[in-house]
Amino acid sequence: MTVLGKRYEHLGPFHDYVANERLAARNAILQEVVPTGELIQIPCLCGASDEDVLLSSIDRWGIPSSHVLCRRCGLLRVTPRWDDDTYSRIYAGYYWFLAVGQREITRERFELSINRAASFAASLSKHVDLEDRHVLELGCSYGAGLITLKGEKAATLTGYDLDDRIVELGRQYSGLDLRLGGVKEAIAQAKNKYDVVVLRHVFEHVLHPFEEGSLLKELINENGFIFIEVPGVLNPGAWTPDPMTFFNAFHAYSYSLRTLSRVMERCGFELVHGDEHIYSIWKKTDVQRESPWESSDGAQDILAFIRRMEQLRKLRQSVPGRLWNRLRSVFSYRS
């Protein structure tokens, strides 16, 4: 049984928005891809395997998936999860339609994505001077995020994504150098190392964070930076108006700034700037955390926060709008 209640154990009214293209994509994933794959039990990155709290056994799309919190370190993960090949097949041919809910990518949709990326561009340019820098984005989709950096006078803007259809459309809409592939393809094709590497809503999808995080060091020069944006576990906006939106079968791991820091430290990076949104900037370091993560009280704080977010949802349903706005600050997290 989930600690958040029966609502998080089965399909319910929340999932009614999964219709049309989304519903077709979800059904295709469950009927055409998942049955040929394998479920694998995944221990926590901290090394614990038997200290989990079950938060939800259904995700935002209505896909059965177990989302657990590690009591030792506070990291959220999906376990058991599909094998690597199953995820690759879904990302290549199904995930876009599930996430976006439409087959056609219009110019209006592209412009909307550019507007949504403005806060990322502001955060990055506030802490890193991009003028004359070589910038790479992994998981760039159709390049809307890179477009927002054009005004920063970067020397080059390059992007990689795993969906060939999206890459081709992105080339047409953005006019940028967009390529098919991920971090390994970027390393193989790089003539020179980059000054800045961007991962926006990508790292939570990474199935092997230590391996892929370490590979990032091969992409940046000695004075380079890594920018990572993921849905922060301690960001109230990621859980409201409904905590169900946070659970996603394709988010292999969900991070607080603290748990993300432990992963990146293990990969050979140190934090330059970060918040619980999460917007975070990293640079190389010679110090690597090789030992297992120590126990901490952080997990209990995260569990208490998630429970408050569920209380907030229930409260929102029962009180008038004005009173709701007064009360939400009582339940919301304060960093």
C-alpha atoms as a PDB file:
ATOM      1  CA  MET A   1       0.000   0.000   0.000  1.00  0.00           C
ATOM      2  CA  THR A   2       1.262   3.481  -0.823  1.00  0.00           C
ATOM      3  CA  VAL A   3       1.888   5.976   1.977  1.00  0.00           C
ATOM      4  CA  LEU A   4      -0.149   8.593   0.083  1.00  0.00           C
ATOM      5  CA  GLY A   5      -3.318   6.495   0.004  1.00  0.00           C
ATOM      6  CA  LYS A   6      -5.352   4.348  -2.377  1.00  0.00           C
ATOM      7  CA  ARG A   7      -5.659   7.162  -4.901  1.00  0.00           C
ATOM      8  CA  TYR A   8      -2.041   6.464  -5.863  1.00  0.00           C
ATOM      9  CA  GLU A   9      -2.594   2.770  -6.486  1.00  0.00           C
ATOM     10  CA  HIS A  10      -4.910   2.704  -9.513  1.00  0.00           C
ATOM     11  CA  LEU A  11      -6.379   4.674 -12.403  1.00  0.00           C
ATOM     12  CA  GLY A  12      -8.718   7.404 -11.243  1.00  0.00           C
ATOM     13  CA  PRO A  13     -10.473  10.610 -12.347  1.00  0.00           C
ATOM     14  CA  PHE A  14      -7.135  12.418 -12.544  1.00  0.00           C
ATOM     15  CA  HIS A  15      -6.180  10.308 -15.547  1.00  0.00           C
ATOM     16  CA  ASP A  16      -9.166  11.424 -17.616  1.00  0.00           C
ATOM     17  CA  TYR A  17      -6.915  14.014 -19.298  1.00  0.00           C
ATOM     18  CA  VAL A  18      -4.983  11.137 -20.894  1.00  0.00           C
ATOM     19  CA  ALA A  19      -7.053  11.065 -24.079  1.00  0.00           C
ATOM     20  CA  ASN A  20      -6.700  11.110 -27.873  1.00  0.00           C
ATOM     21  CA  GLU A  21      -3.013  11.006 -28.905  1.00  0.00           C
ATOM     22  CA  ARG A  22      -1.866  10.523 -25.304  1.00  0.00           C
ATOM     23  CA  LEU A  23      -4.235   7.640 -24.751  1.00  0.00           C
ATOM     24  CA  ALA A  24      -3.223   6.006 -28.031  1.00  0.00           C
ATOM     25  CA  ALA A  25       0.461   6.356 -27.135  1.00  0.00           C
ATOM     26  CA  ARG A  26      -0.039   4.975 -23.621  1.00  0.00           C
ATOM     27  CA  ASN A  27      -1.986   1.984 -24.923  1.00  0.00           C
ATOM     28  CA  ALA A  28       0.609   1.307 -27.606  1.00  0.00           C
ATOM     29  CA  ILE A  29       3.411   1.387 -25.039  1.00  0.00           C
ATOM     30  CA  LEU A  30       1.584  -1.046 -22.756  1.00  0.00           C
ATOM     31  CA  GLN A  31       0.404  -3.351 -25.526  1.00  0.00           C
ATOM     32  CA  GLU A  32       3.159  -3.238 -28.148  1.00  0.00           C
ATOM     33  CA  VAL A  33       6.402  -2.524 -26.288  1.00  0.00           C
ATOM     34  CA  VAL A  34       6.219  -3.434 -22.612  1.00  0.00           C
ATOM     35  CA  PRO A  35       5.149  -7.105 -23.055  1.00  0.00           C
ATOM     36  CA  THR A  36       8.389  -7.900 -24.935  1.00  0.00           C
ATOM     37  CA  GLY A  37      10.609  -6.214 -22.355  1.00  0.00           C
ATOM     38  CA  GLU A  38      11.926  -7.203 -18.944  1.00  0.00           C
ATOM     39  CA  LEU A  39      11.310  -5.731 -15.480  1.00  0.00           C
ATOM     40  CA  ILE A  40      14.451  -5.211 -13.403  1.00  0.00           C
ATOM     41  CA  GLN A  41      14.782  -4.512  -9.691  1.00  0.00           C
ATOM     42  CA  ILE A  42      16.931  -1.426  -9.182  1.00  0.00           C
ATOM     43  CA  PRO A  43      18.771  -0.785  -5.889  1.00  0.00           C
ATOM     44  CA  CYS A  44      19.171   2.815  -4.798  1.00  0.00           C
ATOM     45  CA  LEU A  45      22.243   4.694  -5.982  1.00  0.00           C
ATOM     46  CA  CYS A  46      23.321   4.962  -2.345  1.00  0.00           C
ATOM     47  CA  GLY A  47      23.547   1.162  -2.188  1.00  0.00           C
ATOM     48  CA  ALA A  48      20.398   0.481  -0.163  1.00  0.00           C
ATOM     49  CA  SER A  49      17.918  -2.038  -1.547  1.00  0.00           C
ATOM     50  CA  ASP A  50      15.498  -2.735   1.293  1.00  0.00           C
ATOM     51  CA  GLU A  51      14.763   0.678   2.819  1.00  0.00           C
ATOM     52  CA  ASP A  52      12.090   1.888   0.402  1.00  0.00           C
ATOM     53  CA  VAL A  53       8.765   3.627   0.985  1.00  0.00           C
ATOM     54  CA  LEU A  54       6.199   3.119  -1.783  1.00  0.00           C
ATOM     55  CA  LEU A  55       4.770   6.485  -2.816  1.00  0.00           C
ATOM     56  CA  SER A  56       2.740   5.548  -5.891  1.00  0.00           C
ATOM     57  CA  SER A  57       2.106   2.471  -8.038  1.00  0.00           C
ATOM     58  CA  ILE A  58       0.555   4.423 -10.921  1.00  0.00           C
ATOM     59  CA  ASP A  59       2.029   7.354 -12.801  1.00  0.00           C
ATOM     60  CA  ARG A  60       0.679  10.552 -14.335  1.00  0.00           C
ATOM     61  CA  TRP A  61      -0.063   8.782 -17.631  1.00  0.00           C
ATOM     62  CA  GLY A  62      -1.878   5.874 -15.994  1.00  0.00           C
ATOM     63  CA  ILE A  63       1.066   3.525 -16.486  1.00  0.00           C
ATOM     64  CA  PRO A  64       1.585   0.978 -13.685  1.00  0.00           C
ATOM     65  CA  SER A  65       4.980   1.779 -12.122  1.00  0.00           C
ATOM     66  CA  SER A  66       6.374   1.692  -8.594  1.00  0.00           C
ATOM     67  CA  HIS A  67       7.763   5.006  -7.360  1.00  0.00           C
ATOM     68  CA  VAL A  68       9.727   4.639  -4.127  1.00  0.00           C
ATOM     69  CA  LEU A  69      11.620   6.852  -1.698  1.00  0.00           C
ATOM     70  CA  CYS A  70      14.849   5.548  -0.165  1.00  0.00           C
ATOM     71  CA  ARG A  71      14.717   6.003   3.607  1.00  0.00           C
ATOM     72  CA  ARG A  72      18.498   6.130   3.788  1.00  0.00           C
ATOM     73  CA  CYS A  73      19.284   8.963   1.370  1.00  0.00           C
ATOM     74  CA  GLY A  74      16.009  10.510   0.157  1.00  0.00           C
ATOM     75  CA  LEU A  75      16.407   9.634  -3.523  1.00  0.00           C
ATOM     76  CA  LEU A  76      13.228   8.769  -5.453  1.00  0.00           C
ATOM     77  CA  ARG A  77      13.403   6.089  -8.134  1.00  0.00           C
ATOM     78  CA  VAL A  78      11.277   3.722 -10.207  1.00  0.00           C
ATOM     79  CA  THR A  79      11.748   0.063  -9.285  1.00  0.00           C
ATOM     80  CA  PRO A  80      11.227  -2.393 -10.752  1.00  0.00           C
ATOM     81  CA  ARG A  81      11.657  -0.697 -14.107  1.00  0.00           C
ATOM     82  CA  TRP A  82      11.918  -1.765 -17.725  1.00  0.00           C
ATOM     83  CA  ASP A  83      15.198  -2.831 -19.282  1.00  0.00           C
ATOM     84  CA  ASP A  84      17.261  -0.303 -21.247  1.00  0.00           C
ATOM     85  CA  ASP A  85      16.101  -1.520 -24.665  1.00  0.00           C
ATOM     86  CA  THR A  86      12.432  -1.056 -23.759  1.00  0.00           C
ATOM     87  CA  TYR A  87      13.037   2.554 -22.751  1.00  0.00           C
ATOM     88  CA  SER A  88      15.009   3.175 -25.950  1.00  0.00           C
ATOM     89  CA  ARG A  89      12.171   1.862 -28.103  1.00  0.00           C
ATOM     90  CA  ILE A  90       9.631   4.025 -26.289  1.00  0.00           C
ATOM     91  CA  TYR A  91      11.723   7.192 -26.601  1.00  0.00           C
ATOM     92  CA  ALA A  92      12.359   6.572 -30.286  1.00  0.00           C
ATOM     93  CA  GLY A  93       8.747   6.097 -31.340  1.00  0.00           C
ATOM     94  CA  TYR A  94       6.172   6.754 -28.629  1.00  0.00           C
ATOM     95  CA  TYR A  95       7.217   9.138 -25.868  1.00  0.00           C
ATOM     96  CA  TRP A  96       6.736  12.399 -27.761  1.00  0.00           C
ATOM     97  CA  PHE A  97       3.071  11.658 -28.443  1.00  0.00           C
ATOM     98  CA  LEU A  98       2.511  10.658 -24.822  1.00  0.00           C
ATOM     99  CA  ALA A  99       4.193  13.739 -23.363  1.00  0.00           C
ATOM    100  CA  VAL A 100       2.931  16.357 -25.824  1.00  0.00           C
ATOM    101  CA  GLY A 101      -0.452  14.898 -26.715  1.00  0.00           C
ATOM    102  CA  GLN A 102      -0.344  15.785 -30.397  1.00  0.00           C
ATOM    103  CA  ARG A 103       1.214  14.366 -33.527  1.00  0.00           C
ATOM    104  CA  GLU A 104       1.788  17.577 -35.448  1.00  0.00           C
ATOM    105  CA  ILE A 105       4.406  20.059 -34.267  1.00  0.00           C
ATOM    106  CA  THR A 106       3.138  23.440 -35.358  1.00  0.00           C
ATOM    107  CA  ARG A 107       5.044  26.700 -35.465  1.00  0.00           C
ATOM    108  CA  GLU A 108       2.802  27.879 -32.605  1.00  0.00           C
ATOM    109  CA  ARG A 109       3.869  24.896 -30.506  1.00  0.00           C
ATOM    110  CA  PHE A 110       7.508  25.679 -31.233  1.00  0.00           C
ATOM    111  CA  GLU A 111       7.075  29.332 -30.235  1.00  0.00           C
ATOM    112  CA  LEU A 112       5.349  28.276 -27.003  1.00  0.00           C
ATOM    113  CA  SER A 113       8.329  26.065 -26.139  1.00  0.00           C
ATOM    114  CA  ILE A 114      10.684  28.991 -26.726  1.00  0.00           C
ATOM    115  CA  ASN A 115       8.703  31.116 -24.283  1.00  0.00           C
ATOM    116  CA  ARG A 116       8.733  28.342 -21.678  1.00  0.00           C
ATOM    117  CA  ALA A 117      12.522  28.063 -21.947  1.00  0.00           C
ATOM    118  CA  ALA A 118      13.075  31.727 -21.093  1.00  0.00           C
ATOM    119  CA  SER A 119      13.567  31.062 -17.368  1.00  0.00           C
ATOM    120  CA  PHE A 120      16.254  28.465 -18.137  1.00  0.00           C
ATOM    121  CA  ALA A 121      18.112  30.914 -20.357  1.00  0.00           C
ATOM    122  CA  ALA A 122      17.912  33.614 -17.684  1.00  0.00           C
ATOM    123  CA  SER A 123      19.251  31.292 -14.997  1.00  0.00           C
ATOM    124  CA  LEU A 124      22.141  30.029 -17.110  1.00  0.00           C
ATOM    125  CA  SER A 125      23.213  33.436 -18.446  1.00  0.00           C
ATOM    126  CA  LYS A 126      23.071  34.919 -14.946  1.00  0.00           C
ATOM    127  CA  HIS A 127      25.865  32.639 -13.791  1.00  0.00           C
ATOM    128  CA  VAL A 128      27.769  31.834 -16.998  1.00  0.00           C
ATOM    129  CA  ASP A 129      28.970  34.287 -19.641  1.00  0.00           C
ATOM    130  CA  LEU A 130      27.930  32.648 -22.908  1.00  0.00           C
ATOM    131  CA  GLU A 131      29.520  35.118 -25.320  1.00  0.00           C
ATOM    132  CA  ASP A 132      31.840  33.311 -27.751  1.00  0.00           C
ATOM    133  CA  ARG A 133      31.188  30.019 -25.939  1.00  0.00           C
ATOM    134  CA  HIS A 134      30.519  26.683 -27.646  1.00  0.00           C
ATOM    135  CA  VAL A 135      27.249  25.337 -26.225  1.00  0.00           C
ATOM    136  CA  LEU A 136      25.863  21.813 -26.504  1.00  0.00           C
ATOM    137  CA  GLU A 137      22.397  20.662 -25.415  1.00  0.00           C
ATOM    138  CA  LEU A 138      21.743  16.947 -24.884  1.00  0.00           C
ATOM    139  CA  GLY A 139      18.081  15.967 -25.263  1.00  0.00           C
ATOM    140  CA  CYS A 140      17.443  19.207 -27.132  1.00  0.00           C
ATOM    141  CA  SER A 141      14.113  18.096 -28.671  1.00  0.00           C
ATOM    142  CA  TYR A 142      13.480  20.521 -31.541  1.00  0.00           C
ATOM    143  CA  GLY A 143      15.895  23.163 -30.329  1.00  0.00           C
ATOM    144  CA  ALA A 144      13.568  25.623 -28.591  1.00  0.00           C
ATOM    145  CA  GLY A 145      15.855  25.885 -25.578  1.00  0.00           C
ATOM    146  CA  LEU A 146      18.910  26.585 -27.718  1.00  0.00           C
ATOM    147  CA  ILE A 147      16.990  29.288 -29.586  1.00  0.00           C
ATOM    148  CA  THR A 148      16.614  31.218 -26.314  1.00  0.00           C
ATOM    149  CA  LEU A 149      20.419  31.404 -26.050  1.00  0.00           C
ATOM    150  CA  LYS A 150      20.892  33.052 -29.451  1.00  0.00           C
ATOM    151  CA  GLY A 151      20.808  36.501 -27.923  1.00  0.00           C
ATOM    152  CA  GLU A 152      23.719  35.612 -25.634  1.00  0.00           C
ATOM    153  CA  LYS A 153      26.142  35.667 -28.610  1.00  0.00           C
ATOM    154  CA  ALA A 154      27.351  32.102 -28.196  1.00  0.00           C
ATOM    155  CA  ALA A 155      29.919  31.040 -30.805  1.00  0.00           C
ATOM    156  CA  THR A 156      28.077  27.826 -31.669  1.00  0.00           C
ATOM    157  CA  LEU A 157      24.842  26.140 -30.591  1.00  0.00           C
ATOM    158  CA  THR A 158      24.643  22.367 -31.110  1.00  0.00           C
ATOM    159  CA  GLY A 159      21.954  19.918 -30.018  1.00  0.00           C
ATOM    160  CA  TYR A 160      21.434  16.143 -29.849  1.00  0.00           C
ATOM    161  CA  ASP A 161      18.196  14.200 -29.422  1.00  0.00           C
ATOM    162  CA  LEU A 162      17.143  10.540 -29.736  1.00  0.00           C
ATOM    163  CA  ASP A 163      13.992  11.098 -31.817  1.00  0.00           C
ATOM    164  CA  ASP A 164      14.904  11.455 -35.504  1.00  0.00           C
ATOM    165  CA  ARG A 165      11.506  12.920 -36.435  1.00  0.00           C
ATOM    166  CA  ILE A 166      11.818  15.668 -33.828  1.00  0.00           C
ATOM    167  CA  VAL A 167      15.406  16.418 -34.821  1.00  0.00           C
ATOM    168  CA  GLU A 168      14.454  16.875 -38.474  1.00  0.00           C
ATOM    169  CA  LEU A 169      11.537  19.166 -37.648  1.00  0.00           C
ATOM    170  CA  GLY A 170      13.750  21.069 -35.242  1.00  0.00           C
ATOM    171  CA  ARG A 171      16.273  21.742 -37.980  1.00  0.00           C
ATOM    172  CA  GLN A 172      13.505  23.232 -40.100  1.00  0.00           C
ATOM    173  CA  TYR A 173      12.080  25.422 -37.336  1.00  0.00           C
ATOM    174  CA  SER A 174      15.274  26.518 -35.587  1.00  0.00           C
ATOM    175  CA  GLY A 175      17.909  26.493 -38.327  1.00  0.00           C
ATOM    176  CA  LEU A 176      20.356  25.142 -35.733  1.00  0.00           C
ATOM    177  CA  ASP A 177      22.866  22.300 -35.878  1.00  0.00           C
ATOM    178  CA  LEU A 178      20.707  19.502 -34.439  1.00  0.00           C
ATOM    179  CA  ARG A 179      21.897  15.887 -34.571  1.00  0.00           C
ATOM    180  CA  LEU A 180      20.558  12.437 -33.808  1.00  0.00           C
ATOM    181  CA  GLY A 181      22.023  10.750 -30.728  1.00  0.00           C
ATOM    182  CA  GLY A 182      22.921  11.131 -27.071  1.00  0.00           C
ATOM    183  CA  VAL A 183      26.025  11.659 -24.977  1.00  0.00           C
ATOM    184  CA  LYS A 184      28.056   8.866 -26.630  1.00  0.00           C
ATOM    185  CA  GLU A 185      27.339  10.173 -30.124  1.00  0.00           C
ATOM    186  CA  ALA A 186      28.185  13.698 -28.980  1.00  0.00           C
ATOM    187  CA  ILE A 187      31.554  12.517 -27.667  1.00  0.00           C
ATOM    188  CA  ALA A 188      32.318  10.536 -30.821  1.00  0.00           C
ATOM    189  CA  GLN A 189      31.472  13.439 -33.141  1.00  0.00           C
ATOM    190  CA  ALA A 190      32.996  16.303 -31.138  1.00  0.00           C
ATOM    191  CA  LYS A 191      35.943  17.928 -32.903  1.00  0.00           C
ATOM    192  CA  ASN A 192      36.622  20.057 -29.835  1.00  0.00           C
ATOM    193  CA  LYS A 193      35.311  20.094 -26.306  1.00  0.00           C
ATOM    194  CA  TYR A 194      32.453  22.405 -25.345  1.00  0.00           C
ATOM    195  CA  ASP A 195      32.384  25.344 -22.957  1.00  0.00           C
ATOM    196  CA  VAL A 196      28.837  24.630 -21.752  1.00  0.00           C
ATOM    197  CA  VAL A 197      26.765  21.424 -21.853  1.00  0.00           C
ATOM    198  CA  VAL A 198      23.035  21.712 -21.107  1.00  0.00           C
ATOM    199  CA  LEU A 199      20.637  18.978 -19.937  1.00  0.00           C
ATOM    200  CA  ARG A 200      17.102  20.302 -19.494  1.00  0.00           C
ATOM    201  CA  HIS A 201      14.624  17.738 -18.185  1.00  0.00           C
ATOM    202  CA  VAL A 202      16.921  14.966 -19.330  1.00  0.00           C
ATOM    203  CA  PHE A 203      18.938  13.772 -16.327  1.00  0.00           C
ATOM    204  CA  GLU A 204      15.857  12.429 -14.532  1.00  0.00           C
ATOM    205  CA  HIS A 205      15.398  10.088 -17.521  1.00  0.00           C
ATOM    206  CA  VAL A 206      18.984   8.781 -17.367  1.00  0.00           C
ATOM    207  CA  LEU A 207      18.972   5.117 -16.362  1.00  0.00           C
ATOM    208  CA  HIS A 208      22.627   4.973 -15.310  1.00  0.00           C
ATOM    209  CA  PRO A 209      23.511   8.360 -13.761  1.00  0.00           C
ATOM    210  CA  PHE A 210      27.029   7.487 -12.581  1.00  0.00           C
ATOM    211  CA  GLU A 211      28.014   6.203 -16.010  1.00  0.00           C
ATOM    212  CA  GLU A 212      26.448   8.991 -18.052  1.00  0.00           C
ATOM    213  CA  GLY A 213      27.395  11.682 -15.556  1.00  0.00           C
ATOM    214  CA  SER A 214      31.035  10.644 -15.799  1.00  0.00           C
ATOM    215  CA  LEU A 215      30.860  10.772 -19.606  1.00  0.00           C
ATOM    216  CA  LEU A 216      29.857  14.422 -19.407  1.00  0.00           C
ATOM    217  CA  LYS A 217      33.422  15.220 -18.317  1.00  0.00           C
ATOM    218  CA  GLU A 218      34.612  14.123 -21.752  1.00  0.00           C
ATOM    219  CA  LEU A 219      32.458  16.785 -23.420  1.00  0.00           C
ATOM    220  CA  ILE A 220      33.598  19.923 -21.587  1.00  0.00           C
ATOM    221  CA  ASN A 221      36.950  21.672 -21.457  1.00  0.00           C
ATOM    222  CA  GLU A 222      38.784  22.273 -18.186  1.00  0.00           C
ATOM    223  CA  ASN A 223      36.945  25.537 -17.521  1.00  0.00           C
ATOM    224  CA  GLY A 224      33.595  24.332 -18.835  1.00  0.00           C
ATOM    225  CA  PHE A 225      30.214  24.096 -17.148  1.00  0.00           C
ATOM    226  CA  ILE A 226      27.355  21.611 -17.009  1.00  0.00           C
ATOM    227  CA  PHE A 227      23.818  22.968 -16.619  1.00  0.00           C
ATOM    228  CA  ILE A 228      21.219  20.507 -15.313  1.00  0.00           C
ATOM    229  CA  GLU A 229      17.514  21.208 -14.897  1.00  0.00           C
ATOM    230  CA  VAL A 230      15.291  18.501 -13.415  1.00  0.00           C
ATOM    231  CA  PRO A 231      11.936  18.565 -11.566  1.00  0.00           C
ATOM    232  CA  GLY A 232      13.068  19.199  -7.996  1.00  0.00           C
ATOM    233  CA  VAL A 233      11.596  16.908  -5.358  1.00  0.00           C
ATOM    234  CA  LEU A 234      11.468  19.835  -2.927  1.00  0.00           C
ATOM    235  CA  ASN A 235       9.986  22.278  -5.427  1.00  0.00           C
ATOM    236  CA  PRO A 236       6.298  22.854  -4.555  1.00  0.00           C
ATOM    237  CA  GLY A 237       5.544  23.792  -8.140  1.00  0.00           C
ATOM    238  CA  ALA A 238       6.446  20.273  -9.273  1.00  0.00           C
ATOM    239  CA  TRP A 239       3.719  18.796  -7.028  1.00  0.00           C
ATOM    240  CA  THR A 240       0.899  21.304  -7.397  1.00  0.00           C
ATOM    241  CA  PRO A 241      -1.930  21.448  -8.141  1.00  0.00           C
ATOM    242  CA  ASP A 242      -1.836  17.625  -7.949  1.00  0.00           C
ATOM    243  CA  PRO A 243       1.022  15.431  -6.659  1.00  0.00           C
ATOM    244  CA  MET A 244       0.083  12.770  -9.213  1.00  0.00           C
ATOM    245  CA  THR A 245       1.730  14.926 -11.878  1.00  0.00           C
ATOM    246  CA  PHE A 246       5.129  14.299 -10.289  1.00  0.00           C
ATOM    247  CA  PHE A 247       5.087  10.549 -10.829  1.00  0.00           C
ATOM    248  CA  ASN A 248       6.356   9.569 -14.262  1.00  0.00           C
ATOM    249  CA  ALA A 249       7.378   6.050 -15.287  1.00  0.00           C
ATOM    250  CA  PHE A 250      10.086   7.602 -17.457  1.00  0.00           C
ATOM    251  CA  HIS A 251      11.762   9.486 -14.623  1.00  0.00           C
ATOM    252  CA  ALA A 252      14.140   6.775 -13.480  1.00  0.00           C
ATOM    253  CA  TYR A 253      15.354   8.990 -10.619  1.00  0.00           C
ATOM    254  CA  SER A 254      13.923  12.132  -9.049  1.00  0.00           C
ATOM    255  CA  TYR A 255      16.300  14.429  -7.204  1.00  0.00           C
ATOM    256  CA  SER A 256      16.515  17.042  -4.527  1.00  0.00           C
ATOM    257  CA  LEU A 257      19.505  19.344  -4.869  1.00  0.00           C
ATOM    258  CA  ARG A 258      21.206  17.284  -2.161  1.00  0.00           C
ATOM    259  CA  THR A 259      20.772  13.899  -3.867  1.00  0.00           C
ATOM    260  CA  LEU A 260      21.701  15.343  -7.266  1.00  0.00           C
ATOM    261  CA  SER A 261      24.833  16.788  -5.660  1.00  0.00           C
ATOM    262  CA  ARG A 262      25.846  13.387  -4.385  1.00  0.00           C
ATOM    263  CA  VAL A 263      25.511  11.892  -7.853  1.00  0.00           C
ATOM    264  CA  MET A 264      27.449  14.698  -9.508  1.00  0.00           C
ATOM    265  CA  GLU A 265      30.170  14.616  -6.847  1.00  0.00           C
ATOM    266  CA  ARG A 266      30.595  10.906  -7.526  1.00  0.00           C
ATOM    267  CA  CYS A 267      30.978  11.751 -11.226  1.00  0.00           C
ATOM    268  CA  GLY A 268      33.681  14.332 -10.569  1.00  0.00           C
ATOM    269  CA  PHE A 269      31.782  17.633 -10.459  1.00  0.00           C
ATOM    270  CA  GLU A 270      31.229  20.324  -7.860  1.00  0.00           C
ATOM    271  CA  LEU A 271      28.271  22.658  -7.533  1.00  0.00           C
ATOM    272  CA  VAL A 272      28.678  26.253  -8.717  1.00  0.00           C
ATOM    273  CA  HIS A 273      25.063  27.295  -8.210  1.00  0.00           C
ATOM    274  CA  GLY A 274      21.832  25.451  -7.528  1.00  0.00           C
ATOM    275  CA  ASP A 275      18.336  25.689  -6.094  1.00  0.00           C
ATOM    276  CA  GLU A 276      15.460  23.328  -5.412  1.00  0.00           C
ATOM    277  CA  HIS A 277      13.695  24.173  -8.694  1.00  0.00           C
ATOM    278  CA  ILE A 278      16.236  22.468  -9.802  1.00  0.00           C
ATOM    279  CA  TYR A 279      18.422  24.812 -11.873  1.00  0.00           C
ATOM    280  CA  SER A 280      22.030  23.763 -11.250  1.00  0.00           C
ATOM    281  CA  ILE A 281      25.466  24.570 -12.657  1.00  0.00           C
ATOM    282  CA  TRP A 282      28.522  22.347 -12.213  1.00  0.00           C
ATOM    283  CA  LYS A 283      32.237  22.382 -12.963  1.00  0.00           C
ATOM    284  CA  LYS A 284      34.918  19.708 -12.922  1.00  0.00           C
ATOM    285  CA  THR A 285      36.715  18.809  -9.719  1.00  0.00           C
ATOM    286  CA  ASP A 286      39.463  16.341  -8.838  1.00  0.00           C
ATOM    287  CA  VAL A 287      37.572  15.246  -5.703  1.00  0.00           C
ATOM    288  CA  GLN A 288      35.200  12.299  -6.219  1.00  0.00           C
ATOM    289  CA  ARG A 289      32.899  10.687  -3.627  1.00  0.00           C
ATOM    290  CA  GLU A 290      33.600   6.964  -4.041  1.00  0.00           C
ATOM    291  CA  SER A 291      32.183   5.617  -0.766  1.00  0.00           C
ATOM    292  CA  PRO A 292      28.476   4.809  -0.223  1.00  0.00           C
ATOM    293  CA  TRP A 293      26.288   7.737   0.778  1.00  0.00           C
ATOM    294  CA  GLU A 294      25.918   8.174   4.507  1.00  0.00           C
ATOM    295  CA  SER A 295      22.543   8.009   6.213  1.00  0.00           C
ATOM    296  CA  SER A 296      20.823  11.315   6.860  1.00  0.00           C
ATOM    297  CA  ASP A 297      17.591  12.867   8.060  1.00  0.00           C
ATOM    298  CA  GLY A 298      16.974  14.250   4.578  1.00  0.00           C
ATOM    299  CA  ALA A 299      14.720  11.348   3.611  1.00  0.00           C
ATOM    300  CA  GLN A 300      12.295  12.042   6.447  1.00  0.00           C
ATOM    301  CA  ASP A 301      12.173  15.721   5.486  1.00  0.00           C
ATOM    302  CA  ILE A 302      11.352  14.794   1.890  1.00  0.00           C
ATOM    303  CA  LEU A 303       8.658  12.320   2.927  1.00  0.00           C
ATOM    304  CA  ALA A 304       7.093  14.930   5.220  1.00  0.00           C
ATOM    305  CA  PHE A 305       7.174  17.450   2.367  1.00  0.00           C
ATOM    306  CA  ILE A 306       5.453  15.047  -0.064  1.00  0.00           C
ATOM    307  CA  ARG A 307       2.752  14.307   2.502  1.00  0.00           C
ATOM    308  CA  ARG A 308       2.194  18.058   2.900  1.00  0.00           C
ATOM    309  CA  MET A 309       1.758  18.350  -0.842  1.00  0.00           C
ATOM    310  CA  GLU A 310      -0.999  15.704  -0.707  1.00  0.00           C
ATOM    311  CA  GLN A 311      -2.636  17.523   2.216  1.00  0.00           C
ATOM    312  CA  LEU A 312      -2.446  20.696   0.147  1.00  0.00           C
ATOM    313  CA  ARG A 313      -4.268  19.002  -2.735  1.00  0.00           C
ATOM    314  CA  LYS A 314      -7.077  17.863  -0.459  1.00  0.00           C
ATOM    315  CA  LEU A 315      -7.299  21.307   1.102  1.00  0.00           C
ATOM    316  CA  ARG A 316      -7.510  22.983  -2.278  1.00  0.00           C
ATOM    317  CA  GLN A 317     -10.515  20.845  -3.164  1.00  0.00           C
ATOM    318  CA  SER A 318     -12.399  21.830  -0.014  1.00  0.00           C
ATOM    319  CA  VAL A 319     -11.903  25.580   0.426  1.00  0.00           C
ATOM    320  CA  PRO A 320     -12.819  28.704  -1.611  1.00  0.00           C
ATOM    321  CA  GLY A 321     -10.180  30.274  -3.848  1.00  0.00           C
ATOM    322  CA  ARG A 322      -9.289  33.253  -1.636  1.00  0.00           C
ATOM    323  CA  LEU A 323      -8.893  31.151   1.483  1.00  0.00           C
ATOM    324  CA  TRP A 324      -6.844  28.669  -0.528  1.00  0.00           C
ATOM    325  CA  ASN A 325      -4.320  31.359  -1.471  1.00  0.00           C
ATOM    326  CA  ARG A 326      -3.918  32.286   2.206  1.00  0.00           C
ATOM    327  CA  LEU A 327      -3.504  28.720   3.393  1.00  0.00           C
ATOM    328  CA  ARG A 328      -1.156  27.302   0.731  1.00  0.00           C
ATOM    329  CA  SER A 329       1.884  29.089   2.226  1.00  0.00           C
ATOM    330  CA  VAL A 330       1.341  27.192   5.489  1.00  0.00           C
ATOM    331  CA  PHE A 331       1.768  23.865   3.694  1.00  0.00           C
ATOM    332  CA  SER A 332       4.326  24.826   1.066  1.00  0.00           C
ATOM    333  CA  TYR A 333       8.017  24.106   1.506  1.00  0.00           C
ATOM    334  CA  ARG A 334      10.349  26.914   2.490  1.00  0.00           C
ATOM    335  CA  SER A 335      13.972  26.333   1.506  1.00  0.00           C
END
